[in-house]
Protein backbone atom coordinates (compact mmCIF):
# COMPACT_ATOMS: atom_id res chain seq x y z
CA MET A 1 0.00 0.00 0.00
CA ALA A 2 2.89 2.35 0.74
CA ASP A 3 4.39 1.58 -2.67
CA GLU A 4 1.06 2.35 -4.35
CA ALA A 5 0.78 5.68 -2.55
CA LYS A 6 4.37 6.46 -3.48
CA ALA A 7 3.66 5.65 -7.13
CA ARG A 8 0.65 7.99 -7.11
CA GLY A 9 2.80 10.70 -5.55
CA ASN A 10 5.47 10.25 -8.22
CA ALA A 11 2.83 10.50 -10.96
CA GLU A 12 1.37 13.70 -9.53
CA PHE A 13 4.85 15.16 -9.09
CA ALA A 14 5.73 14.40 -12.71
CA ALA A 15 2.48 16.11 -13.78
CA GLY A 16 3.35 19.21 -11.75
CA ASN A 17 0.56 18.63 -9.20
CA PHE A 18 2.83 19.16 -6.21
CA THR A 19 0.08 19.61 -3.59
CA ASP A 20 -1.45 16.25 -4.53
CA ALA A 21 2.02 14.72 -4.61
CA VAL A 22 2.61 15.87 -1.01
CA ARG A 23 -0.70 14.31 0.03
CA HIS A 24 0.15 10.92 -1.51
CA PHE A 25 3.69 10.90 -0.11
CA THR A 26 2.26 11.70 3.33
CA ASP A 27 -0.10 8.71 3.02
CA ALA A 28 2.87 6.53 2.10
CA ILE A 29 4.89 7.83 5.08
CA ASN A 30 2.04 7.00 7.44
CA LEU A 31 2.18 3.43 6.16
CA ALA A 32 6.00 3.15 6.08
CA PRO A 33 7.44 5.77 8.46
CA THR A 34 11.03 4.46 8.20
CA ASN A 35 11.29 4.62 4.41
CA HIS A 36 13.85 7.37 3.67
CA VAL A 37 12.87 7.61 -0.02
CA LEU A 38 9.36 8.79 0.89
CA TYR A 39 10.68 11.71 2.97
CA SER A 40 13.07 12.57 0.14
CA ASN A 41 10.25 12.66 -2.41
CA ARG A 42 8.01 14.76 -0.19
CA SER A 43 10.88 17.16 0.42
CA ALA A 44 11.19 17.67 -3.34
CA ALA A 45 7.43 18.28 -3.62
CA TYR A 46 7.50 20.84 -0.78
CA ALA A 47 10.44 22.60 -2.42
CA SER A 48 8.48 22.83 -5.68
CA LEU A 49 5.70 24.52 -3.68
CA ASN A 50 8.28 26.94 -2.21
CA LYS A 51 7.55 25.48 1.24
CA PHE A 52 11.21 25.25 2.05
CA SER A 53 10.82 24.92 5.84
CA GLU A 54 8.77 21.74 5.34
CA ALA A 55 11.22 20.61 2.66
CA LEU A 56 14.08 21.10 5.12
CA SER A 57 12.34 19.07 7.83
CA ASP A 58 11.78 16.15 5.44
CA ALA A 59 15.33 16.36 4.09
CA GLN A 60 16.73 16.22 7.64
CA LYS A 61 14.58 13.15 8.33
CA THR A 62 15.89 11.54 5.12
CA VAL A 63 19.50 12.03 6.21
CA GLU A 64 18.69 10.80 9.71
CA LEU A 65 17.18 7.56 8.37
CA LYS A 66 19.81 6.97 5.67
CA PRO A 67 23.01 8.95 6.42
CA ASP A 68 24.98 7.15 3.67
CA TRP A 69 22.53 8.08 0.87
CA SER A 70 23.87 10.95 -1.23
CA LYS A 71 20.50 12.07 -2.57
CA GLY A 72 19.37 12.96 0.96
CA TYR A 73 22.07 15.63 1.11
CA SER A 74 20.97 16.91 -2.30
CA ARG A 75 17.47 17.44 -0.87
CA LEU A 76 18.95 19.04 2.25
CA GLY A 77 21.05 21.42 0.18
CA ALA A 78 18.08 22.41 -2.01
CA ALA A 79 15.94 23.19 1.06
CA HIS A 80 18.68 25.37 2.58
CA MET A 81 19.05 27.15 -0.76
CA GLY A 82 15.35 27.94 -0.77
CA LEU A 83 15.70 29.41 2.73
CA HIS A 84 18.77 31.42 1.58
CA SER A 85 20.95 29.55 4.08
CA TYR A 86 23.78 29.29 1.59
CA ASN A 87 26.46 28.22 4.08
CA ASP A 88 24.27 25.35 5.29
CA ALA A 89 23.46 24.43 1.69
CA ALA A 90 27.13 24.28 0.75
CA SER A 91 27.85 22.16 3.82
CA ALA A 92 25.06 19.70 2.88
CA TYR A 93 26.29 19.35 -0.69
CA LYS A 94 29.87 18.78 0.53
CA LYS A 95 28.73 16.01 2.89
CA GLY A 96 26.91 14.36 0.01
CA LEU A 97 30.02 14.55 -2.17
CA GLU A 98 32.05 12.84 0.57
CA ILE A 99 29.75 9.84 0.08
CA ASP A 100 29.53 10.08 -3.70
CA PRO A 101 32.34 12.25 -5.13
CA ASN A 102 31.13 11.86 -8.74
CA ASN A 103 27.51 12.87 -8.18
CA GLU A 104 26.73 15.58 -10.76
CA PRO A 105 23.59 17.04 -9.05
CA LEU A 106 25.59 17.50 -5.84
CA LYS A 107 28.43 19.17 -7.73
CA SER A 108 25.98 21.48 -9.48
CA GLY A 109 24.23 22.28 -6.20
CA LEU A 110 27.52 23.08 -4.49
CA ALA A 111 28.49 25.40 -7.35
CA ASP A 112 25.12 27.20 -7.03
CA ALA A 113 25.52 27.55 -3.26
CA GLU A 114 29.03 28.93 -3.54
CA ALA A 115 27.91 31.34 -6.27
CA ALA A 116 25.06 32.51 -4.04
CA LEU A 117 27.49 33.01 -1.17
CA ALA A 118 29.72 35.08 -3.42
CA ARG A 119 26.79 37.23 -4.53
CA SER A 120 25.58 37.77 -0.99
CA SER A 121 29.04 39.00 0.04
CA ARG A 122 29.10 41.69 -2.67
CA SER A 123 28.19 45.31 -2.07
CA ARG A 124 24.52 46.40 -1.92
CA PRO A 125 22.90 46.14 -5.34
CA GLY A 126 21.26 49.00 -7.30
CA PRO A 127 17.69 50.25 -6.80
CA GLY A 128 16.03 47.65 -9.06
CA ALA A 129 18.01 44.75 -7.71
CA SER A 130 17.50 45.77 -4.09
CA LEU A 131 13.83 44.90 -4.50
CA PHE A 132 14.06 41.78 -6.65
CA GLY A 133 17.70 40.58 -6.80
CA ASP A 134 17.20 37.68 -4.38
CA ALA A 135 14.50 36.25 -6.62
CA PHE A 136 17.11 35.34 -9.23
CA GLY A 137 18.97 32.83 -7.05
CA PRO A 138 19.83 29.22 -8.02
CA GLU A 139 16.27 28.05 -7.30
CA MET A 140 15.00 30.42 -10.00
CA TRP A 141 15.27 27.77 -12.74
CA VAL A 142 13.12 25.29 -10.80
CA LYS A 143 10.38 27.86 -10.17
CA LEU A 144 10.25 29.07 -13.76
CA SER A 145 10.27 25.56 -15.25
CA SER A 146 7.50 24.47 -12.84
CA ASP A 147 5.14 27.33 -13.79
CA PRO A 148 3.23 26.78 -17.07
CA THR A 149 3.20 30.55 -17.81
CA THR A 150 7.00 30.83 -17.82
CA ARG A 151 8.15 27.35 -18.81
CA GLY A 152 8.08 28.27 -22.50
CA PHE A 153 10.32 31.31 -21.96
CA LEU A 154 13.19 28.99 -20.96
CA GLN A 155 13.21 27.69 -24.55
CA GLN A 156 14.00 31.21 -25.81
CA PRO A 157 17.79 31.82 -25.87
CA ASP A 158 17.53 35.62 -25.55
CA PHE A 159 15.41 35.31 -22.40
CA VAL A 160 17.74 32.74 -20.84
CA LYS A 161 20.65 35.07 -21.57
CA MET A 162 18.83 37.91 -19.75
CA LEU A 163 18.38 35.69 -16.67
CA GLN A 164 22.03 34.64 -16.68
CA ASP A 165 23.08 38.29 -16.99
CA ILE A 166 20.94 39.25 -13.98
CA GLN A 167 22.36 36.34 -11.97
CA LYS A 168 25.87 37.58 -12.66
CA ASN A 169 25.00 41.18 -11.76
CA PRO A 170 21.60 41.94 -10.13
CA ASN A 171 22.03 45.63 -11.04
CA ASN A 172 21.28 44.68 -14.66
CA LEU A 173 17.66 43.94 -13.77
CA ASN A 174 16.65 47.53 -14.58
CA MET A 175 17.77 47.01 -18.17
CA TYR A 176 15.14 44.32 -18.79
CA LEU A 177 12.09 45.47 -16.82
CA LYS A 178 10.43 46.77 -20.01
CA ASP A 179 10.36 43.22 -21.38
CA GLN A 180 6.93 41.75 -20.55
CA ARG A 181 8.43 38.25 -20.27
CA MET A 182 10.71 39.51 -17.50
CA MET A 183 7.76 41.03 -15.66
CA GLN A 184 5.88 37.73 -15.97
CA ALA A 185 8.90 35.79 -14.67
CA LEU A 186 9.36 38.27 -11.82
CA GLY A 187 5.76 37.74 -10.79
CA VAL A 188 6.29 33.97 -10.63
CA LEU A 189 9.53 34.31 -8.66
CA LEU A 190 7.95 36.71 -6.13
CA ASN A 191 4.57 34.92 -6.04
CA LEU A 192 2.93 38.09 -7.39
CA LYS A 193 0.71 38.69 -10.41
CA PHE A 194 1.77 41.55 -12.69
CA GLN A 195 -0.71 42.77 -15.33
CA THR A 196 0.99 43.34 -18.66
CA ARG A 197 -1.33 45.60 -20.75
CA GLY A 198 -1.03 47.79 -23.80
CA PRO A 199 -1.85 51.54 -23.68
CA GLU A 200 -5.34 51.05 -25.11
CA GLU A 201 -6.21 48.48 -22.44
CA ASP A 202 -4.96 50.88 -19.75
CA ALA A 203 -7.27 53.61 -21.07
CA GLU A 204 -10.24 51.24 -21.13
CA MET A 205 -9.65 50.04 -17.57
CA ALA A 206 -9.24 53.60 -16.35
CA GLU A 207 -12.54 54.57 -17.96
CA ALA A 208 -14.30 51.51 -16.59
CA SER A 209 -13.00 52.42 -13.18
CA SER A 210 -14.39 55.93 -13.56
CA ARG A 211 -17.80 54.60 -14.56
CA GLY A 212 -17.84 52.16 -11.68
CA SER A 213 -17.03 54.81 -9.06
CA PRO A 214 -19.97 57.11 -8.11
CA GLU A 215 -17.60 59.69 -6.65
CA ARG A 216 -15.74 60.30 -9.95
CA LYS A 217 -17.28 61.94 -13.04
CA ARG A 218 -16.22 61.76 -16.67
CA PRO A 219 -14.84 64.91 -18.34
CA ALA A 220 -17.42 67.36 -19.66
CA ALA A 221 -16.40 66.78 -23.26
CA ALA A 222 -17.26 63.15 -22.96
CA GLU A 223 -20.69 63.88 -21.41
CA ALA A 224 -21.56 66.39 -24.14
CA ASP A 225 -20.87 64.00 -27.03
CA PRO A 226 -21.98 60.43 -26.23
CA VAL A 227 -22.10 59.50 -29.91
CA LYS A 228 -18.44 60.28 -30.28
CA GLU A 229 -17.71 58.10 -27.30
CA ASP A 230 -19.63 55.22 -28.87
CA LYS A 231 -17.51 55.50 -31.99
CA ARG A 232 -14.30 55.03 -30.03
CA PRO A 233 -12.60 51.86 -31.41
CA GLU A 234 -12.72 48.79 -29.23
CA PRO A 235 -9.30 47.86 -27.75
CA GLU A 236 -7.79 44.94 -29.60
CA PRO A 237 -6.31 41.96 -27.75
CA GLU A 238 -2.69 42.44 -26.94
CA PRO A 239 -0.66 40.78 -29.74
CA GLU A 240 2.00 39.28 -27.50
CA GLN A 241 -0.50 37.67 -25.16
CA MET A 242 -2.27 36.14 -28.15
CA ASP A 243 1.05 34.88 -29.52
CA LYS A 244 1.89 33.37 -26.16
CA SER A 245 -1.42 31.55 -25.97
CA GLU A 246 -0.98 30.21 -29.49
CA GLU A 247 2.57 29.15 -28.66
CA GLU A 248 1.43 27.23 -25.57
CA LYS A 249 -1.37 25.58 -27.54
CA GLU A 250 1.01 24.56 -30.31
CA LYS A 251 3.46 23.18 -27.77
CA ARG A 252 0.76 21.06 -26.11
CA GLU A 253 -0.32 19.73 -29.48
CA LYS A 254 3.25 18.80 -30.35
CA LYS A 255 3.69 17.00 -27.04
CA ALA A 256 0.49 15.03 -27.62
CA GLN A 257 1.60 14.14 -31.14
CA ALA A 258 5.01 13.09 -29.79
CA GLN A 259 3.35 10.68 -27.37
CA LYS A 260 1.38 9.15 -30.25
CA GLU A 261 4.61 8.69 -32.19
CA LYS A 262 6.15 7.01 -29.13
CA GLU A 263 3.21 4.61 -28.82
CA ALA A 264 3.52 3.76 -32.50
CA GLY A 265 7.24 3.17 -31.99
CA ASN A 266 6.55 0.88 -29.04
CA ALA A 267 4.08 -1.14 -31.11
CA ALA A 268 6.59 -1.49 -33.95
CA TYR A 269 9.32 -2.50 -31.48
CA LYS A 270 7.17 -5.31 -30.09
CA LYS A 271 6.66 -6.57 -33.64
CA LYS A 272 10.46 -6.48 -34.21
CA ASP A 273 9.91 -3.86 -36.94
CA PHE A 274 12.94 -1.90 -35.81
CA GLU A 275 13.29 0.48 -38.76
CA THR A 276 9.70 1.67 -38.34
CA ALA A 277 10.18 2.02 -34.59
CA ILE A 278 13.24 4.23 -35.14
CA GLN A 279 11.29 6.46 -37.52
CA HIS A 280 8.53 7.00 -34.94
CA TYR A 281 10.94 7.67 -32.05
CA THR A 282 12.93 10.09 -34.23
CA LYS A 283 9.76 11.98 -35.10
CA ALA A 284 8.84 12.09 -31.38
CA THR A 285 12.20 13.67 -30.47
CA GLU A 286 11.72 16.30 -33.17
CA LEU A 287 8.29 17.20 -31.78
CA ASP A 288 9.29 17.26 -28.09
CA ASP A 289 12.90 17.48 -26.93
CA GLU A 290 11.96 17.61 -23.24
CA ASP A 291 11.06 13.90 -22.97
CA ILE A 292 14.24 11.81 -23.01
CA SER A 293 12.28 8.55 -23.06
CA PHE A 294 12.10 8.95 -26.84
CA LEU A 295 15.90 8.85 -26.96
CA THR A 296 16.24 5.92 -24.55
CA ASN A 297 13.61 3.95 -26.46
CA ARG A 298 15.40 4.57 -29.74
CA ALA A 299 18.63 3.52 -28.03
CA ALA A 300 16.94 0.24 -27.05
CA VAL A 301 16.07 -0.38 -30.71
CA TYR A 302 19.65 0.32 -31.79
CA LEU A 303 20.80 -2.11 -29.11
CA GLU A 304 18.56 -4.86 -30.51
CA MET A 305 19.84 -4.14 -34.02
CA GLY A 306 23.47 -4.35 -32.93
CA LYS A 307 24.08 -0.67 -33.72
CA TYR A 308 25.87 -0.13 -30.44
CA GLU A 309 27.57 3.16 -31.28
CA ASP A 310 24.24 4.74 -32.25
CA CYS A 311 22.76 3.39 -29.01
CA ILE A 312 25.57 4.99 -26.98
CA LYS A 313 25.14 8.35 -28.76
CA ASP A 314 21.43 8.42 -27.94
CA CYS A 315 22.12 7.49 -24.30
CA ASP A 316 24.70 10.29 -23.98
CA LYS A 317 22.21 12.78 -25.45
CA ALA A 318 19.52 11.59 -23.04
CA VAL A 319 21.81 11.99 -20.01
CA GLU A 320 22.93 15.46 -21.10
CA ARG A 321 19.39 16.65 -21.81
CA GLY A 322 18.03 15.05 -18.65
CA ARG A 323 20.51 16.93 -16.49
CA GLU A 324 19.82 20.20 -18.30
CA LEU A 325 16.10 19.82 -17.54
CA ARG A 326 16.74 18.37 -14.05
CA LEU A 327 14.61 15.33 -14.87
CA ASP A 328 13.93 12.32 -12.65
CA PHE A 329 17.09 10.46 -11.59
CA LYS A 330 15.51 7.19 -12.75
CA MET A 331 15.32 8.41 -16.35
CA ILE A 332 19.00 9.34 -16.35
CA ALA A 333 19.90 6.04 -14.66
CA ARG A 334 18.01 4.15 -17.38
CA ALA A 335 20.02 5.87 -20.11
CA LEU A 336 23.32 5.13 -18.33
CA THR A 337 22.37 1.48 -17.83
CA ARG A 338 21.51 1.13 -21.51
CA LYS A 339 24.83 2.71 -22.44
CA GLY A 340 26.67 0.25 -20.19
CA THR A 341 24.81 -2.66 -21.83
CA ALA A 342 25.89 -1.49 -25.29
CA LEU A 343 29.50 -1.12 -24.14
CA VAL A 344 29.44 -4.68 -22.76
CA LYS A 345 28.21 -5.92 -26.14
CA MET A 346 31.13 -4.17 -27.83
CA ALA A 347 33.78 -5.42 -25.36
CA LYS A 348 36.50 -7.59 -26.86
CA SER A 349 39.18 -7.29 -24.18
CA SER A 350 39.18 -6.89 -20.40
CA LYS A 351 39.94 -3.17 -20.74
CA ASP A 352 36.87 -2.70 -22.92
CA TYR A 353 34.72 -3.55 -19.89
CA GLU A 354 36.05 -0.58 -17.89
CA PRO A 355 33.83 2.13 -19.52
CA ALA A 356 30.83 -0.20 -19.22
CA ILE A 357 31.50 -0.76 -15.51
CA GLU A 358 31.88 3.01 -15.08
CA ALA A 359 28.52 3.60 -16.79
CA PHE A 360 26.80 1.08 -14.48
CA HIS A 361 28.37 2.72 -11.43
CA LYS A 362 27.08 6.14 -12.55
CA ALA A 363 23.62 4.67 -13.14
CA LEU A 364 23.56 3.26 -9.60
CA THR A 365 24.61 6.65 -8.29
CA GLU A 366 21.51 8.16 -9.89
CA HIS A 367 19.15 5.34 -8.87
CA ARG A 368 19.89 2.00 -7.23
CA ASN A 369 18.20 -0.61 -9.38
CA PRO A 370 18.57 -4.41 -8.96
CA ASP A 371 18.77 -4.95 -12.72
CA THR A 372 21.62 -2.44 -13.06
CA LEU A 373 23.41 -3.97 -10.08
CA LYS A 374 23.21 -7.42 -11.69
CA LYS A 375 24.57 -6.03 -14.97
CA LEU A 376 27.45 -4.45 -13.05
CA ASN A 377 28.29 -7.71 -11.27
CA ASP A 378 28.14 -9.64 -14.55
CA ALA A 379 30.41 -7.11 -16.26
CA GLU A 380 32.97 -7.24 -13.44
CA LYS A 381 32.91 -11.05 -13.51
CA ALA A 382 33.34 -11.12 -17.30
CA LYS A 383 36.21 -8.64 -17.05
CA LYS A 384 37.96 -10.82 -14.47
CA GLU A 385 37.51 -13.97 -16.55
CA LEU A 386 38.82 -12.23 -19.64
CA GLU A 387 41.81 -10.95 -17.71
CA GLN A 388 42.60 -14.53 -16.70
CA GLN A 389 42.29 -15.69 -20.31
CA GLU A 390 44.55 -12.89 -21.51
CA TYR A 391 47.09 -13.79 -18.81
CA TYR A 392 46.92 -17.52 -19.60
CA ASP A 393 50.33 -18.97 -20.57
CA PRO A 394 50.99 -22.66 -19.69
CA GLN A 395 54.68 -22.43 -20.56
CA MET A 396 55.30 -19.51 -18.21
CA ALA A 397 53.18 -21.30 -15.60
CA ASP A 398 55.53 -24.31 -15.72
CA GLU A 399 58.54 -22.01 -15.36
CA GLU A 400 57.04 -20.31 -12.30
CA ARG A 401 56.16 -23.68 -10.76
CA GLU A 402 59.76 -24.86 -11.18
CA LYS A 403 60.98 -21.69 -9.46
CA GLY A 404 58.57 -22.43 -6.62
CA ASN A 405 59.93 -25.99 -6.36
CA GLN A 406 63.47 -24.65 -6.02
CA TYR A 407 62.50 -22.31 -3.20
CA PHE A 408 60.57 -25.15 -1.52
CA LYS A 409 63.73 -27.29 -1.49
CA GLU A 410 65.57 -24.36 0.09
CA GLN A 411 62.76 -24.20 2.72
CA ASN A 412 61.94 -20.65 1.63
CA TYR A 413 58.23 -21.32 1.75
CA PRO A 414 56.89 -17.73 1.46
CA GLU A 415 58.85 -17.20 -1.76
CA ALA A 416 57.71 -20.59 -3.03
CA VAL A 417 54.07 -19.63 -2.40
CA LYS A 418 54.63 -16.44 -4.42
CA HIS A 419 55.82 -18.38 -7.49
CA TYR A 420 53.15 -21.09 -7.20
CA THR A 421 50.52 -18.34 -7.06
CA GLU A 422 51.94 -16.74 -10.21
CA ALA A 423 51.93 -20.16 -11.89
CA LEU A 424 48.22 -20.54 -11.07
CA LYS A 425 47.45 -17.10 -12.51
CA ARG A 426 49.11 -18.22 -15.74
CA ASN A 427 47.36 -21.60 -15.68
CA PRO A 428 44.45 -21.93 -13.20
CA LYS A 429 43.84 -25.56 -14.24
CA ASP A 430 47.18 -26.99 -13.10
CA PRO A 431 46.58 -29.48 -10.22
CA LYS A 432 50.33 -29.79 -9.52
CA ALA A 433 50.63 -26.08 -8.68
CA TYR A 434 47.71 -26.37 -6.22
CA SER A 435 49.28 -29.49 -4.67
CA ASN A 436 52.65 -27.80 -4.25
CA ARG A 437 51.18 -24.63 -2.80
CA ALA A 438 49.13 -26.75 -0.37
CA ALA A 439 52.38 -28.32 0.84
CA CYS A 440 53.85 -24.83 1.38
CA TYR A 441 50.82 -23.66 3.32
CA THR A 442 51.03 -26.80 5.50
CA LYS A 443 54.68 -26.06 6.27
CA LEU A 444 53.77 -22.46 7.14
CA GLY A 445 50.94 -23.60 9.42
CA ALA A 446 48.29 -22.01 7.20
CA LEU A 447 46.14 -25.14 7.38
CA PRO A 448 42.79 -23.75 6.09
CA GLU A 449 44.55 -22.38 2.98
CA GLY A 450 46.37 -25.67 2.52
CA LEU A 451 43.12 -27.64 2.81
CA LYS A 452 41.45 -25.41 0.21
CA ASP A 453 44.30 -25.90 -2.28
CA ALA A 454 44.37 -29.66 -1.72
CA GLU A 455 40.64 -29.93 -2.35
CA LYS A 456 41.00 -27.84 -5.53
CA CYS A 457 43.80 -30.17 -6.66
CA ILE A 458 41.53 -33.21 -6.20
CA GLU A 459 38.68 -31.42 -7.98
CA LEU A 460 40.87 -30.76 -11.04
CA ASP A 461 42.32 -34.31 -11.11
CA PRO A 462 40.55 -36.90 -8.89
CA THR A 463 43.18 -39.55 -9.82
CA PHE A 464 46.19 -37.49 -8.69
CA ALA A 465 47.46 -39.22 -5.51
CA LYS A 466 49.40 -36.17 -4.30
CA GLY A 467 46.15 -34.31 -3.81
CA TYR A 468 44.98 -36.91 -1.28
CA THR A 469 48.33 -36.98 0.57
CA ARG A 470 48.22 -33.16 0.86
CA LYS A 471 44.63 -33.15 2.11
CA GLY A 472 45.23 -36.07 4.50
CA ALA A 473 48.29 -34.33 5.94
CA VAL A 474 46.35 -31.13 6.59
CA ARG A 475 43.53 -33.09 8.28
CA PHE A 476 46.08 -34.98 10.38
CA PHE A 477 47.77 -31.78 11.56
CA MET A 478 44.34 -30.38 12.38
CA LYS A 479 43.92 -33.53 14.55
CA GLU A 480 40.89 -34.62 12.56
CA TYR A 481 42.13 -38.22 12.42
CA GLU A 482 38.89 -39.81 11.24
CA LYS A 483 38.62 -37.39 8.31
CA ALA A 484 42.31 -37.78 7.53
CA LEU A 485 41.89 -41.57 7.47
CA GLU A 486 38.93 -41.26 5.07
CA THR A 487 41.04 -39.04 2.76
CA TYR A 488 43.97 -41.48 2.69
CA GLN A 489 41.63 -44.41 2.05
CA GLU A 490 39.97 -42.53 -0.83
CA GLY A 491 43.40 -41.91 -2.37
CA LEU A 492 44.29 -45.61 -2.13
CA LYS A 493 41.36 -46.41 -4.41
CA HIS A 494 43.27 -44.65 -7.19
CA ASP A 495 46.81 -45.71 -6.19
CA PRO A 496 46.66 -48.80 -3.88
CA GLN A 497 50.43 -49.11 -3.39
CA ASN A 498 51.25 -45.45 -2.76
CA PRO A 499 53.66 -45.40 0.23
CA GLU A 500 52.65 -41.92 1.44
CA LEU A 501 48.98 -42.86 1.52
CA LEU A 502 49.70 -46.17 3.31
CA ASP A 503 51.84 -44.41 5.90
CA GLY A 504 49.05 -41.84 6.41
CA VAL A 505 46.56 -44.63 7.10
CA ARG A 506 48.94 -46.22 9.63
CA ARG A 507 49.47 -42.97 11.54
CA CYS A 508 45.74 -42.19 11.64
CA VAL A 509 44.86 -45.68 12.94
CA GLU A 510 47.51 -45.35 15.59
CA GLN A 511 46.02 -42.06 16.85
CA ILE A 512 42.47 -43.44 16.75
CA ASN A 513 43.46 -46.58 18.71
CA LYS A 514 45.27 -44.46 21.22
CA ALA A 515 41.98 -42.74 22.03
CA SER A 516 40.13 -46.08 22.07
CA ARG A 517 42.58 -47.53 24.61
CA GLY A 518 42.30 -44.45 26.79
CA ASP A 519 46.02 -43.71 26.41
CA LEU A 520 45.50 -39.99 25.97
CA SER A 521 46.83 -37.63 28.62
CA PRO A 522 44.26 -35.37 30.32
CA GLU A 523 45.56 -32.39 28.28
CA GLU A 524 45.33 -34.32 24.99
CA LEU A 525 41.85 -35.59 25.85
CA LYS A 526 40.61 -32.11 26.74
CA GLU A 527 42.06 -30.62 23.55
CA ARG A 528 40.59 -33.38 21.37
CA GLN A 529 37.15 -33.06 22.98
CA ALA A 530 37.13 -29.28 22.56
CA LYS A 531 38.03 -29.62 18.88
CA ALA A 532 35.46 -32.34 18.34
CA MET A 533 32.67 -30.22 19.78
CA GLN A 534 33.29 -27.69 16.99
CA ASP A 535 32.89 -30.37 14.33
CA PRO A 536 29.36 -30.22 12.76
CA GLU A 537 29.42 -34.00 12.20
CA ILE A 538 30.07 -34.69 15.90
CA GLN A 539 27.40 -32.16 16.85
CA ASN A 540 24.86 -33.93 14.61
CA ILE A 541 25.69 -37.30 16.19
CA LEU A 542 25.27 -35.94 19.71
CA THR A 543 21.93 -34.26 18.91
CA ASP A 544 20.51 -37.33 17.14
CA PRO A 545 17.74 -38.77 19.44
CA VAL A 546 18.61 -42.34 18.39
CA MET A 547 22.29 -41.89 19.23
CA GLN A 548 21.41 -40.24 22.53
CA GLN A 549 19.49 -43.39 23.50
CA VAL A 550 22.41 -45.56 22.33
CA LEU A 551 24.80 -43.63 24.58
CA VAL A 552 22.44 -44.02 27.52
CA ASP A 553 22.20 -47.80 26.88
CA LEU A 554 26.00 -48.07 26.72
CA GLN A 555 26.12 -46.85 30.29
CA GLU A 556 22.99 -48.41 31.79
CA ASN A 557 21.84 -51.34 29.61
CA PRO A 558 24.72 -53.46 28.25
CA LYS A 559 22.35 -55.93 26.57
CA SER A 560 20.65 -53.24 24.48
CA ALA A 561 24.08 -51.73 23.79
CA GLN A 562 25.28 -55.03 22.25
CA GLU A 563 22.28 -55.00 19.90
CA HIS A 564 23.10 -51.41 18.86
CA MET A 565 26.71 -52.40 18.12
CA ARG A 566 25.53 -54.87 15.48
CA ASN A 567 24.26 -51.95 13.41
CA PRO A 568 27.17 -50.80 11.13
CA LEU A 569 25.89 -47.19 10.98
CA VAL A 570 25.61 -46.91 14.75
CA MET A 571 29.00 -48.59 15.21
CA ASN A 572 30.61 -46.14 12.79
CA LYS A 573 29.19 -43.16 14.69
CA ILE A 574 30.33 -44.57 18.03
CA GLN A 575 33.81 -45.06 16.59
CA LYS A 576 33.86 -41.37 15.57
CA LEU A 577 32.90 -40.35 19.11
CA VAL A 578 35.63 -42.61 20.51
CA SER A 579 38.23 -41.10 18.16
CA ALA A 580 37.12 -37.63 19.18
CA GLY A 581 37.58 -38.49 22.86
CA ILE A 582 33.88 -37.93 23.58
CA VAL A 583 33.29 -41.63 24.42
CA GLN A 584 35.81 -43.91 26.12
CA MET A 585 35.49 -47.71 25.95
CA ARG A 586 36.71 -49.94 28.76
């Protein structure tokens, strides 16, 4: 239910209905009060409503719940910017960059905060700027793009240049106040409504005001000649306002047509008619360059067609445009993920995977998505495997193994390990190198590492007797005599006359019988019991209800115990307990 409320909030936010978005995010928070993303989203909605105090409160809650999430600090910085707390904003952006140094929105936010600090430290602005200069801060772009009456102005280069000029020097505001677009923008930024009228409209409103006020009378000339007054031409609609209305209408129509082209492209894509799909998506981008989904969809088609370079170009355009328009992080992440996928398809060497991995990392910075994370893991795994293939050289592996053998004879085991490791990098399928390194680890007392290498040796070549002698030796030194005996016996199946394996069996039997006869010293018995209690197999035997009854019968009911001993499985388990020092037979 919280996810559904969140989805509704996201939809309303995307549509510019920020009040409704706040309501849905609040419903979601009531259902999932520890979800940091919900507070982050509501903070963005409050900021869009210029309710920066509420935005700040939600941003602080986001950071409190998830202090290692960079986007929380982006929300915190934006809220401080709205409250003109530029030092606090800069501090928030810097904290976010400590977590994610490559985050572009945080970098941009920090630059805006520092620019605002620099402006605030300048001398007092001129008369025009003293009234309105603060309105042209970094949050100006968000306000103007959110308001339908000013959004279109941001597509006009001359108007954007005016705004940039005022941001650089607020004193320049006076130069542009005659421009009706600037007055409209100023009204949005100050939450005021300015009436922009032509001279004829002013005259008409003044006259209407005179007629509507009983205390004011019209001039005598007007009263004496009513016919003349009737012949006065009606004021025509202001041309610029009409043009603006037509422009907005045309823009809406283009957007609607672009969506139809996208739907047609989607239908063609599903039918595998890729050329037709590309034509529709291309037409959509020409009609509406503010929706980057047209670019990412076309990139997906290029990906299916194997035109990876075209796919990457579209993804780069989508990312650039998305950041210019400050679009949803998920849209930008989608483009970066698609770019990474195309780069993976093009990869022929391990180094070719590096830009793909970088693209996936950037995508995860924008939005953490399980699919992107899987693609990243797959790319890193493929890169590692390719590196091993590129490094593969059996001849050099043999040379390194021989160097390791020489150092082993000299009892320089650390150096021997170094060369055996290099040999395995050059040839990971060499069982002899694993066997030799296992022997080194055993000599160095690194028994877990030795056991792992011995098991890998047996895995690569189950008939190689040395693998069993290495593993048996490690088990013996770990005082796991039963397991060591099993290993030696398994090796004898492949090489029945092997002297090392036979000697291993003899030594293991000797240690097992020593426990059976009760010849262990108290210290040895205590050590063996402690080790046995950590063995999962021994633990399973002791917790088995059947074996618990057998142990009770061994102590209290000799007749029943004799019957139990006839069972080979029970006898085998009892023998393991005896070898471990848990049970002593007299």
